[in-house]
Every structure is written in structure tokens, then in C-alpha cells.
N, C-alpha and C. Protein backbone atom coordinates (compact mmCIF):
# COMPACT_ATOMS: atom_id res chain seq x y z
N MET A 1 89.14 107.26 107.85
CA MET A 1 88.97 106.65 106.54
C MET A 1 89.91 105.46 106.44
N HIS A 2 89.43 104.36 105.89
CA HIS A 2 90.23 103.16 105.74
C HIS A 2 90.60 102.97 104.28
N LEU A 3 91.87 102.75 103.99
CA LEU A 3 92.32 102.49 102.63
C LEU A 3 92.73 101.04 102.53
N SER A 4 92.28 100.37 101.49
CA SER A 4 92.66 98.98 101.27
C SER A 4 94.15 98.89 101.02
N GLN A 5 94.83 98.00 101.71
CA GLN A 5 96.27 97.84 101.51
C GLN A 5 96.57 97.03 100.26
N ASN A 6 95.56 96.42 99.65
CA ASN A 6 95.77 95.61 98.46
C ASN A 6 95.81 96.43 97.18
N VAL A 7 95.38 97.69 97.24
CA VAL A 7 95.33 98.51 96.04
C VAL A 7 96.38 99.61 96.17
N PRO A 8 97.40 99.62 95.29
CA PRO A 8 98.41 100.67 95.37
C PRO A 8 97.78 102.04 95.11
N VAL A 9 98.17 103.02 95.88
CA VAL A 9 97.68 104.37 95.68
C VAL A 9 98.69 105.09 94.80
N PHE A 10 98.23 105.71 93.74
CA PHE A 10 99.11 106.34 92.78
C PHE A 10 98.76 107.81 92.65
N PHE A 11 99.76 108.66 92.78
CA PHE A 11 99.53 110.09 92.67
C PHE A 11 100.47 110.78 91.70
N GLY A 12 101.48 110.10 91.19
CA GLY A 12 102.51 110.73 90.38
C GLY A 12 102.00 111.35 89.10
N ARG A 13 100.82 111.01 88.65
CA ARG A 13 100.29 111.48 87.39
C ARG A 13 99.74 112.90 87.48
N PHE A 14 99.41 113.37 88.66
CA PHE A 14 98.76 114.66 88.80
C PHE A 14 99.79 115.78 88.80
N LEU A 15 99.52 116.82 88.02
CA LEU A 15 100.47 117.91 87.85
C LEU A 15 99.89 119.22 88.34
N SER A 16 100.78 120.10 88.78
CA SER A 16 100.33 121.44 89.15
C SER A 16 100.05 122.23 87.87
N ASN A 17 99.48 123.42 88.01
CA ASN A 17 99.16 124.19 86.82
C ASN A 17 100.41 124.70 86.11
N GLU A 18 101.58 124.68 86.75
CA GLU A 18 102.81 125.06 86.08
C GLU A 18 103.44 123.87 85.35
N GLY A 19 102.81 122.69 85.44
CA GLY A 19 103.34 121.52 84.77
C GLY A 19 104.39 120.79 85.58
N LYS A 20 104.60 121.20 86.83
CA LYS A 20 105.57 120.53 87.69
C LYS A 20 104.88 119.39 88.42
N GLY A 21 105.59 118.30 88.60
CA GLY A 21 105.01 117.15 89.27
C GLY A 21 104.72 117.41 90.74
N LEU A 22 103.73 116.74 91.26
CA LEU A 22 103.40 116.82 92.68
C LEU A 22 104.07 115.66 93.39
N ASP A 23 104.75 115.94 94.46
CA ASP A 23 105.39 114.88 95.25
C ASP A 23 104.47 114.51 96.39
N LEU A 24 104.25 113.24 96.56
CA LEU A 24 103.35 112.77 97.61
C LEU A 24 104.13 112.47 98.88
N VAL A 25 103.69 113.06 99.98
CA VAL A 25 104.16 112.64 101.28
C VAL A 25 103.13 111.61 101.71
N HIS A 26 103.37 110.36 101.31
CA HIS A 26 102.36 109.30 101.34
C HIS A 26 101.75 109.08 102.72
N HIS A 27 102.57 108.93 103.74
CA HIS A 27 102.03 108.58 105.05
C HIS A 27 101.21 109.70 105.67
N ALA A 28 101.44 110.94 105.26
CA ALA A 28 100.70 112.06 105.84
C ALA A 28 99.49 112.45 105.00
N GLY A 29 99.39 111.90 103.79
CA GLY A 29 98.28 112.26 102.92
C GLY A 29 98.40 113.68 102.39
N LEU A 30 99.62 114.17 102.30
CA LEU A 30 99.85 115.53 101.82
C LEU A 30 100.54 115.49 100.47
N VAL A 31 100.39 116.57 99.72
CA VAL A 31 101.10 116.70 98.46
C VAL A 31 101.96 117.94 98.55
N ARG A 32 103.23 117.80 98.16
CA ARG A 32 104.14 118.95 98.17
C ARG A 32 104.19 119.49 96.74
N VAL A 33 103.88 120.75 96.55
CA VAL A 33 103.93 121.37 95.23
C VAL A 33 105.17 122.23 95.16
N GLY A 34 106.04 121.94 94.22
CA GLY A 34 107.25 122.73 94.06
C GLY A 34 108.14 122.71 95.28
N GLY A 35 107.96 121.78 96.18
CA GLY A 35 108.84 121.63 97.33
C GLY A 35 108.53 122.53 98.51
N THR A 36 107.60 123.47 98.39
CA THR A 36 107.37 124.39 99.50
C THR A 36 105.93 124.41 100.01
N GLN A 37 104.99 124.48 99.13
CA GLN A 37 103.59 124.64 99.53
C GLN A 37 102.93 123.27 99.68
N HIS A 38 102.16 123.07 100.74
CA HIS A 38 101.47 121.81 100.98
C HIS A 38 99.97 121.98 100.79
N LYS A 39 99.35 120.98 100.20
CA LYS A 39 97.90 120.98 100.04
C LYS A 39 97.38 119.65 100.51
N LYS A 40 96.33 119.68 101.29
CA LYS A 40 95.70 118.46 101.80
C LYS A 40 94.78 117.89 100.72
N LEU A 41 94.84 116.60 100.50
CA LEU A 41 93.97 115.95 99.53
C LEU A 41 92.94 115.10 100.26
N VAL A 42 91.74 115.04 99.72
CA VAL A 42 90.71 114.18 100.26
C VAL A 42 90.70 112.92 99.41
N LEU A 43 90.93 111.77 100.04
CA LEU A 43 90.98 110.50 99.33
C LEU A 43 89.62 109.83 99.32
N ARG A 44 89.28 109.24 98.21
CA ARG A 44 88.08 108.42 98.16
C ARG A 44 88.41 107.05 98.70
N GLU A 45 87.40 106.38 99.21
CA GLU A 45 87.57 105.00 99.68
C GLU A 45 88.00 104.13 98.51
N LEU A 46 89.03 103.32 98.71
CA LEU A 46 89.51 102.42 97.67
C LEU A 46 88.99 101.03 97.94
N SER A 47 88.73 100.31 96.88
CA SER A 47 88.34 98.92 97.06
C SER A 47 89.09 98.08 96.06
N ALA A 48 89.08 96.79 96.27
CA ALA A 48 89.76 95.88 95.37
C ALA A 48 88.89 95.54 94.16
N GLU A 49 87.67 96.06 94.11
CA GLU A 49 86.79 95.79 92.98
C GLU A 49 87.35 96.47 91.73
N PRO A 50 87.25 95.83 90.56
CA PRO A 50 87.74 96.46 89.35
C PRO A 50 86.95 97.72 89.03
N TYR A 51 87.65 98.70 88.51
CA TYR A 51 87.03 99.97 88.14
C TYR A 51 86.60 99.91 86.69
N GLU A 52 85.36 100.21 86.41
CA GLU A 52 84.88 100.26 85.04
C GLU A 52 84.57 101.71 84.71
N SER A 53 85.23 102.19 83.67
CA SER A 53 85.03 103.57 83.26
C SER A 53 83.62 103.77 82.71
N SER A 54 83.04 104.91 83.04
CA SER A 54 81.73 105.23 82.48
C SER A 54 81.88 105.81 81.08
N LYS A 55 83.11 106.09 80.67
CA LYS A 55 83.37 106.65 79.34
C LYS A 55 83.76 105.52 78.39
N ILE A 56 82.76 104.83 77.85
CA ILE A 56 83.03 103.73 76.94
C ILE A 56 83.29 104.30 75.54
N ASN A 57 84.16 103.62 74.80
CA ASN A 57 84.57 104.02 73.45
C ASN A 57 85.30 105.36 73.45
N SER A 58 86.08 105.60 74.47
CA SER A 58 86.93 106.78 74.50
C SER A 58 88.37 106.30 74.66
N GLN A 59 89.28 107.17 74.35
CA GLN A 59 90.70 106.84 74.45
C GLN A 59 91.15 107.07 75.89
N GLU A 60 91.99 106.17 76.39
CA GLU A 60 92.49 106.29 77.76
C GLU A 60 93.94 105.83 77.80
N LEU A 61 94.75 106.53 78.55
CA LEU A 61 96.13 106.09 78.73
C LEU A 61 96.18 105.04 79.82
N LEU A 62 97.00 104.02 79.60
CA LEU A 62 97.22 103.00 80.61
C LEU A 62 98.57 103.28 81.23
N LEU A 63 98.61 103.25 82.55
CA LEU A 63 99.77 103.68 83.31
C LEU A 63 100.42 102.53 84.05
N CYS A 64 101.73 102.62 84.23
CA CYS A 64 102.43 101.66 85.07
C CYS A 64 101.87 101.79 86.48
N ARG A 65 101.46 100.69 87.06
CA ARG A 65 100.88 100.71 88.40
C ARG A 65 101.90 101.15 89.46
N LYS A 66 103.18 100.91 89.20
CA LYS A 66 104.20 101.23 90.20
C LYS A 66 104.57 102.72 90.19
N CYS A 67 104.80 103.30 89.00
CA CYS A 67 105.30 104.68 88.97
C CYS A 67 104.37 105.67 88.27
N GLY A 68 103.39 105.19 87.52
CA GLY A 68 102.45 106.08 86.86
C GLY A 68 102.85 106.56 85.48
N ALA A 69 103.94 106.03 84.92
CA ALA A 69 104.34 106.42 83.57
C ALA A 69 103.32 105.92 82.56
N ASP A 70 103.10 106.72 81.50
CA ASP A 70 102.22 106.29 80.41
C ASP A 70 102.91 105.15 79.67
N VAL A 71 102.24 104.01 79.55
CA VAL A 71 102.87 102.87 78.88
C VAL A 71 102.10 102.36 77.67
N VAL A 72 100.79 102.54 77.64
CA VAL A 72 99.99 102.07 76.51
C VAL A 72 98.83 103.04 76.30
N ASP A 73 98.49 103.28 75.06
CA ASP A 73 97.29 104.03 74.73
C ASP A 73 96.21 102.99 74.45
N SER A 74 95.04 103.13 75.05
CA SER A 74 94.00 102.10 74.90
C SER A 74 93.57 101.91 73.45
N SER A 75 93.83 102.88 72.59
CA SER A 75 93.46 102.72 71.18
C SER A 75 94.30 101.64 70.50
N TYR A 76 95.42 101.24 71.11
CA TYR A 76 96.27 100.18 70.55
C TYR A 76 95.91 98.78 71.05
N LEU A 77 94.93 98.67 71.93
CA LEU A 77 94.51 97.34 72.38
C LEU A 77 93.82 96.61 71.24
N PHE A 78 94.14 95.33 71.07
CA PHE A 78 93.50 94.54 70.03
C PHE A 78 93.41 93.10 70.51
N THR A 79 92.73 92.27 69.76
CA THR A 79 92.53 90.89 70.17
C THR A 79 93.49 89.97 69.44
N LYS A 80 94.30 89.27 70.19
CA LYS A 80 95.19 88.22 69.68
C LYS A 80 95.08 87.09 70.68
N ILE A 81 94.35 86.05 70.32
CA ILE A 81 94.07 84.95 71.24
C ILE A 81 95.21 83.93 71.23
N SER A 82 95.67 83.56 72.40
CA SER A 82 96.66 82.50 72.55
C SER A 82 95.95 81.16 72.60
N PRO A 83 96.51 80.13 71.94
CA PRO A 83 95.91 78.79 72.04
C PRO A 83 95.90 78.27 73.48
N GLY A 84 96.78 78.79 74.33
CA GLY A 84 96.85 78.36 75.73
C GLY A 84 95.88 79.08 76.64
N SER A 85 95.14 80.02 76.10
CA SER A 85 94.20 80.78 76.92
C SER A 85 92.96 79.96 77.22
N LYS A 86 92.62 79.88 78.48
CA LYS A 86 91.40 79.18 78.90
C LYS A 86 90.26 80.19 79.02
N LYS A 87 89.26 80.05 78.20
CA LYS A 87 88.06 80.88 78.24
C LYS A 87 88.38 82.38 78.28
N PRO A 88 88.93 82.94 77.18
CA PRO A 88 89.15 84.39 77.16
C PRO A 88 87.81 85.11 77.37
N LYS A 89 87.86 86.24 78.05
CA LYS A 89 86.62 86.96 78.33
C LYS A 89 86.70 88.37 77.76
N GLN A 90 85.54 88.91 77.47
CA GLN A 90 85.42 90.27 76.95
C GLN A 90 84.99 91.17 78.10
N GLU A 91 85.73 92.26 78.32
CA GLU A 91 85.40 93.19 79.39
C GLU A 91 85.34 94.61 78.86
N ASN A 92 84.52 95.42 79.48
CA ASN A 92 84.46 96.85 79.17
C ASN A 92 85.41 97.56 80.13
N ILE A 93 86.63 97.77 79.67
CA ILE A 93 87.66 98.40 80.51
C ILE A 93 88.45 99.40 79.68
N PHE A 94 89.08 100.33 80.36
CA PHE A 94 89.95 101.33 79.74
C PHE A 94 89.23 102.13 78.65
N GLY A 95 87.95 102.40 78.86
CA GLY A 95 87.20 103.21 77.92
C GLY A 95 86.83 102.49 76.64
N LYS A 96 86.99 101.18 76.61
CA LYS A 96 86.68 100.41 75.40
C LYS A 96 85.73 99.27 75.73
N LYS A 97 84.88 98.93 74.77
CA LYS A 97 84.00 97.77 74.91
C LYS A 97 84.72 96.53 74.39
N ASN A 98 84.41 95.40 75.00
CA ASN A 98 84.87 94.09 74.53
C ASN A 98 86.38 93.97 74.38
N VAL A 99 87.10 94.40 75.40
CA VAL A 99 88.55 94.17 75.44
C VAL A 99 88.77 92.73 75.86
N THR A 100 89.57 92.00 75.08
CA THR A 100 89.82 90.59 75.38
C THR A 100 90.84 90.47 76.50
N VAL A 101 90.45 89.79 77.57
CA VAL A 101 91.33 89.50 78.70
C VAL A 101 91.55 87.99 78.72
N GLN A 102 92.82 87.59 78.70
CA GLN A 102 93.17 86.17 78.66
C GLN A 102 93.91 85.77 79.93
N SER A 103 93.62 84.59 80.42
CA SER A 103 94.38 84.02 81.54
C SER A 103 95.35 83.01 80.97
N LEU A 104 96.64 83.24 81.21
CA LEU A 104 97.68 82.37 80.71
C LEU A 104 98.57 81.93 81.87
N VAL A 105 99.11 80.73 81.78
CA VAL A 105 99.94 80.17 82.84
C VAL A 105 101.33 79.89 82.28
N ASN A 106 102.37 80.36 82.99
CA ASN A 106 103.74 80.08 82.54
C ASN A 106 104.19 78.70 83.00
N PRO A 107 105.36 78.22 82.57
CA PRO A 107 105.82 76.88 82.94
C PRO A 107 106.00 76.67 84.45
N PHE A 108 106.08 77.75 85.22
CA PHE A 108 106.23 77.64 86.67
C PHE A 108 104.88 77.63 87.38
N GLY A 109 103.80 77.64 86.62
CA GLY A 109 102.46 77.59 87.20
C GLY A 109 101.92 78.93 87.64
N ILE A 110 102.60 80.02 87.27
CA ILE A 110 102.14 81.36 87.64
C ILE A 110 101.13 81.84 86.60
N LYS A 111 99.97 82.28 87.07
CA LYS A 111 98.88 82.71 86.19
C LYS A 111 98.94 84.22 85.99
N PHE A 112 98.76 84.65 84.75
CA PHE A 112 98.74 86.06 84.40
C PHE A 112 97.47 86.35 83.60
N GLU A 113 96.82 87.45 83.91
CA GLU A 113 95.74 87.95 83.07
C GLU A 113 96.34 89.05 82.22
N ILE A 114 96.22 88.90 80.89
CA ILE A 114 96.84 89.88 80.00
C ILE A 114 95.84 90.44 79.01
N VAL A 115 96.20 91.63 78.50
CA VAL A 115 95.54 92.22 77.34
C VAL A 115 96.64 92.39 76.29
N THR A 116 96.27 92.39 75.02
CA THR A 116 97.27 92.53 73.96
C THR A 116 97.18 93.91 73.34
N ALA A 117 98.35 94.46 73.01
CA ALA A 117 98.43 95.80 72.43
C ALA A 117 99.40 95.80 71.26
N GLU A 118 99.03 96.53 70.21
CA GLU A 118 99.89 96.64 69.03
C GLU A 118 101.16 97.41 69.35
N LYS A 119 101.07 98.42 70.19
CA LYS A 119 102.22 99.25 70.56
C LYS A 119 102.19 99.49 72.06
N ALA A 120 103.38 99.61 72.64
CA ALA A 120 103.50 99.95 74.06
C ALA A 120 104.84 100.64 74.27
N ARG A 121 104.90 101.51 75.25
CA ARG A 121 106.14 102.17 75.61
C ARG A 121 106.79 101.37 76.74
N CYS A 122 107.48 100.32 76.35
CA CYS A 122 108.18 99.52 77.35
C CYS A 122 109.51 99.08 76.75
N GLU A 123 110.46 98.77 77.62
CA GLU A 123 111.79 98.35 77.18
C GLU A 123 111.89 96.84 77.24
N ASN A 124 112.42 96.26 76.16
CA ASN A 124 112.62 94.82 76.12
C ASN A 124 113.88 94.45 76.88
N VAL A 125 113.82 93.33 77.60
CA VAL A 125 114.95 92.87 78.41
C VAL A 125 115.37 91.50 77.92
N GLY A 126 116.66 91.34 77.68
CA GLY A 126 117.20 90.03 77.32
C GLY A 126 116.97 89.65 75.88
N PRO A 127 117.52 88.49 75.51
CA PRO A 127 117.38 88.01 74.13
C PRO A 127 115.99 87.43 73.89
N ARG A 128 115.64 87.32 72.62
CA ARG A 128 114.37 86.72 72.23
C ARG A 128 114.37 85.24 72.60
N GLN A 129 113.26 84.76 73.15
CA GLN A 129 113.11 83.36 73.55
C GLN A 129 112.02 82.71 72.71
N SER A 130 112.28 81.50 72.25
CA SER A 130 111.25 80.80 71.47
C SER A 130 110.57 79.70 72.27
N ALA A 131 111.23 79.22 73.31
CA ALA A 131 110.66 78.14 74.13
C ALA A 131 109.47 78.64 74.94
N GLU A 132 108.44 77.81 75.02
CA GLU A 132 107.27 78.08 75.86
C GLU A 132 106.53 79.36 75.50
N SER A 133 106.53 79.73 74.21
CA SER A 133 105.80 80.93 73.79
C SER A 133 104.30 80.67 73.85
N TRP A 134 103.56 81.62 74.40
CA TRP A 134 102.10 81.51 74.45
C TRP A 134 101.48 81.68 73.06
N PHE A 135 102.25 82.28 72.14
CA PHE A 135 101.75 82.54 70.80
C PHE A 135 102.66 81.85 69.79
N PRO A 136 102.23 80.70 69.24
CA PRO A 136 103.05 79.97 68.28
C PRO A 136 103.47 80.86 67.11
N GLY A 137 104.74 80.72 66.70
CA GLY A 137 105.26 81.54 65.62
C GLY A 137 105.85 82.86 66.09
N TYR A 138 105.81 83.10 67.39
CA TYR A 138 106.36 84.33 67.96
C TYR A 138 107.37 84.00 69.05
N THR A 139 108.46 84.76 69.07
CA THR A 139 109.38 84.70 70.21
C THR A 139 108.89 85.71 71.24
N TRP A 140 109.44 85.65 72.44
CA TRP A 140 109.02 86.58 73.49
C TRP A 140 110.24 87.13 74.23
N ARG A 141 110.06 88.32 74.76
CA ARG A 141 111.02 88.95 75.67
C ARG A 141 110.23 89.67 76.74
N ILE A 142 110.77 89.71 77.92
CA ILE A 142 110.14 90.49 78.99
C ILE A 142 110.21 91.96 78.61
N CYS A 143 109.13 92.69 78.87
CA CYS A 143 109.18 94.14 78.68
C CYS A 143 108.86 94.81 80.02
N VAL A 144 109.61 95.88 80.29
CA VAL A 144 109.52 96.58 81.57
C VAL A 144 109.21 98.05 81.33
N CYS A 145 108.72 98.70 82.37
CA CYS A 145 108.46 100.14 82.32
C CYS A 145 109.79 100.86 82.10
N PRO A 146 109.86 101.77 81.11
CA PRO A 146 111.11 102.48 80.86
C PRO A 146 111.48 103.45 81.98
N HIS A 147 110.52 103.78 82.82
CA HIS A 147 110.77 104.74 83.89
C HIS A 147 111.26 104.06 85.18
N CYS A 148 110.59 102.98 85.61
CA CYS A 148 110.93 102.38 86.91
C CYS A 148 111.39 100.93 86.83
N GLY A 149 111.29 100.29 85.67
CA GLY A 149 111.74 98.91 85.53
C GLY A 149 110.73 97.85 85.95
N GLN A 150 109.50 98.25 86.29
CA GLN A 150 108.45 97.30 86.67
C GLN A 150 108.15 96.37 85.50
N HIS A 151 108.01 95.07 85.77
CA HIS A 151 107.64 94.11 84.73
C HIS A 151 106.21 94.40 84.27
N LEU A 152 106.06 94.78 83.01
CA LEU A 152 104.75 95.11 82.46
C LEU A 152 104.14 93.95 81.67
N GLY A 153 105.00 93.10 81.12
CA GLY A 153 104.50 92.01 80.30
C GLY A 153 105.59 91.49 79.39
N TRP A 154 105.20 91.20 78.14
CA TRP A 154 106.12 90.60 77.19
C TRP A 154 105.91 91.22 75.82
N THR A 155 107.01 91.29 75.05
CA THR A 155 106.93 91.66 73.64
C THR A 155 107.02 90.37 72.85
N PHE A 156 106.09 90.18 71.93
CA PHE A 156 106.08 89.00 71.06
C PHE A 156 106.42 89.45 69.65
N GLU A 157 107.42 88.77 69.04
CA GLU A 157 107.88 89.11 67.70
C GLU A 157 107.90 87.85 66.84
N THR A 158 107.61 88.01 65.54
CA THR A 158 107.63 86.85 64.65
C THR A 158 109.02 86.21 64.69
N THR A 159 109.06 84.89 64.52
CA THR A 159 110.33 84.18 64.65
C THR A 159 111.30 84.52 63.54
N ASN A 160 110.82 84.77 62.33
CA ASN A 160 111.70 85.11 61.22
C ASN A 160 110.88 85.88 60.20
N GLU A 161 111.22 87.12 59.97
CA GLU A 161 110.42 87.95 59.07
C GLU A 161 110.50 87.48 57.62
N ASP A 162 111.59 86.76 57.24
CA ASP A 162 111.70 86.24 55.87
C ASP A 162 110.80 85.03 55.67
N ASP A 163 110.60 84.24 56.72
CA ASP A 163 109.81 83.01 56.66
C ASP A 163 108.70 83.10 57.70
N LEU A 164 107.75 83.99 57.47
CA LEU A 164 106.71 84.26 58.45
C LEU A 164 105.85 83.04 58.72
N PRO A 165 105.83 82.55 59.96
CA PRO A 165 104.98 81.42 60.29
C PRO A 165 103.57 81.84 60.70
N VAL A 166 103.27 83.11 60.55
CA VAL A 166 101.95 83.62 60.94
C VAL A 166 101.23 84.14 59.71
N LYS A 167 99.94 84.30 59.82
CA LYS A 167 99.14 84.80 58.70
C LYS A 167 99.58 86.22 58.34
N ASN A 168 99.42 86.58 57.09
CA ASN A 168 99.84 87.90 56.62
C ASN A 168 99.16 89.04 57.37
N GLU A 169 97.90 88.85 57.79
CA GLU A 169 97.20 89.94 58.46
C GLU A 169 97.60 90.08 59.93
N ASP A 170 98.37 89.11 60.46
CA ASP A 170 98.80 89.18 61.85
C ASP A 170 99.94 90.19 62.02
N ALA A 171 100.06 90.73 63.21
CA ALA A 171 101.11 91.69 63.52
C ALA A 171 102.46 90.98 63.57
N THR A 172 103.52 91.68 63.14
CA THR A 172 104.86 91.11 63.25
C THR A 172 105.37 91.22 64.68
N SER A 173 104.82 92.14 65.45
CA SER A 173 105.14 92.22 66.88
C SER A 173 103.96 92.84 67.61
N PHE A 174 103.84 92.49 68.87
CA PHE A 174 102.79 93.04 69.73
C PHE A 174 103.21 92.80 71.17
N HIS A 175 102.43 93.31 72.10
CA HIS A 175 102.75 93.20 73.52
C HIS A 175 101.62 92.51 74.27
N GLY A 176 101.99 91.65 75.19
CA GLY A 176 101.05 91.07 76.14
C GLY A 176 101.26 91.80 77.46
N ILE A 177 100.31 92.61 77.86
CA ILE A 177 100.45 93.47 79.05
C ILE A 177 99.70 92.85 80.22
N ILE A 178 100.39 92.73 81.35
CA ILE A 178 99.80 92.13 82.56
C ILE A 178 98.80 93.11 83.15
N LEU A 179 97.56 92.69 83.21
CA LEU A 179 96.48 93.56 83.66
C LEU A 179 96.71 94.10 85.08
N SER A 180 97.25 93.28 85.96
CA SER A 180 97.44 93.72 87.35
C SER A 180 98.61 94.70 87.51
N ASN A 181 99.40 94.92 86.46
CA ASN A 181 100.55 95.83 86.56
C ASN A 181 100.30 97.18 85.90
N ILE A 182 99.06 97.41 85.46
CA ILE A 182 98.71 98.70 84.87
C ILE A 182 97.43 99.24 85.51
N LEU A 183 97.25 100.54 85.36
CA LEU A 183 96.03 101.22 85.80
C LEU A 183 95.55 102.11 84.67
N GLY A 184 94.25 102.25 84.54
CA GLY A 184 93.71 103.20 83.58
C GLY A 184 93.79 104.62 84.14
N GLU A 185 94.06 105.56 83.27
CA GLU A 185 94.17 106.96 83.68
C GLU A 185 92.89 107.45 84.36
N ASN A 186 91.74 107.02 83.87
CA ASN A 186 90.48 107.46 84.48
C ASN A 186 90.34 106.92 85.90
N PHE A 187 90.86 105.72 86.15
CA PHE A 187 90.82 105.16 87.50
C PHE A 187 91.68 105.99 88.45
N THR A 188 92.88 106.35 88.02
CA THR A 188 93.75 107.14 88.89
C THR A 188 93.15 108.51 89.17
N ASP A 189 92.47 109.08 88.16
CA ASP A 189 91.81 110.36 88.38
C ASP A 189 90.70 110.25 89.42
N SER A 190 90.10 109.06 89.55
CA SER A 190 89.01 108.88 90.51
C SER A 190 89.52 108.63 91.93
N LEU A 191 90.82 108.39 92.09
CA LEU A 191 91.36 108.08 93.41
C LEU A 191 91.40 109.28 94.35
N ILE A 192 91.61 110.45 93.78
CA ILE A 192 91.67 111.62 94.65
C ILE A 192 90.70 112.69 94.19
N MET A 193 90.26 113.46 95.14
CA MET A 193 89.45 114.63 94.86
C MET A 193 90.11 115.77 95.61
N MET A 194 90.38 116.86 94.92
CA MET A 194 90.96 118.01 95.58
C MET A 194 89.82 118.92 96.05
N PRO A 195 89.84 119.35 97.31
CA PRO A 195 88.80 120.28 97.77
C PRO A 195 88.74 121.50 96.87
N THR A 196 87.55 122.05 96.65
CA THR A 196 87.39 123.17 95.73
C THR A 196 88.23 124.37 96.13
N THR A 197 88.53 124.54 97.40
CA THR A 197 89.35 125.68 97.82
C THR A 197 90.78 125.54 97.34
N TYR A 198 91.21 124.32 96.98
CA TYR A 198 92.58 124.10 96.53
C TYR A 198 92.70 123.86 95.04
N GLN A 199 91.60 123.81 94.33
CA GLN A 199 91.68 123.50 92.90
C GLN A 199 92.37 124.63 92.16
N MET A 200 93.20 124.22 91.19
CA MET A 200 93.97 125.20 90.42
C MET A 200 93.24 125.62 89.19
């Protein structure tokens, strides 16, 4: 079986029936349960093609691609268009229809595809920055996974809550999450299949 080296394989989300995490012995394709018992997993072929969930209009957790921590609930995804976005597109991803995906470029010429979320479980790093904000009237800070420190995106906050430069119906803060740094829970569930003789 050939696995694409371009797609990270994630297993940290799967738990034993006692609620203990499974440790992956990655190179051997084995999972260690509780440190003693080994179970062989059958991997599905991975591809670089985007995964579209067949469960549209359902709630899905979005996970850090590096460590698998829950970072966003798909029910918090919403549309906030940046004036710098070139041709935002609507995609059916993460169990939702018409999720807005925007391509934005930073001052260094690095392109990011992001989705916006009202809430996210990420830690803000550094002071608020107002220069080069993709969303006028908002400052930005890098936000990272609270578990592993992976860069997940940015937190955008209004510049001054007393003198709001944004419309009243707009959020006072939100997150721009980098699409390539997260995985949908349903996608990770599709990566492995446990043989029926080993199912708990």
C-alpha cells in the first residue's frame, strides 16, 4: 500500500473503550493501547484530493492537523469577507454547505486559504497588530493550537470597543483559520479502518 507523503496521517483522536489515548507506532503501522497490547490497523489509501463529507448540514469538530486537538466546532463557521480576498468561493466542507473560503496574501507574498469562525480554541501570541490587517477596523494576532503550538491562523479584534469602526452587527472578535492547518473530524475517521476482529 502506498501512502501519499503530502498528507499528514493523524491518529491521536482515536480512543480505546476505556477512554485512554492510542499511541501510534507510526513507522510500523501499529497502535499501542495502554502501552502493552498492540493492534494492527488497516489504512485506507490517502490522496491529496480534498475530502468532502457526505454528512452535509451536520456539526463537525475541526482538528489541529499537527496534533489532533479539537480547535473549532463547525457550527461557529461564518462568513466575513476581507476586501483583500480575490474571488472568495463557497465550498461544502466540514459538514456544512456554502462555507466561504478566502485566499489572502500577506505582505511577504505568502498565500493562505482561510475560513472564518466566531469562536476557536486557540491561544493568541504577541500583542495586537493593526498594520496590514486583512479586515479593516480589526487588529490581528497569531493564534496557535493550545496543545502543540501549531500556527492555526489569526484572531481579529475590533480596534477600540468604545469607538467601533465596524458595523454594529459585526463580531467584535473572530478567527481566520488556515484551511491547510486543520482537518475535519469526519476526514480523520475515514483515514483508518479497524478490522472487525479488533473493534471494541
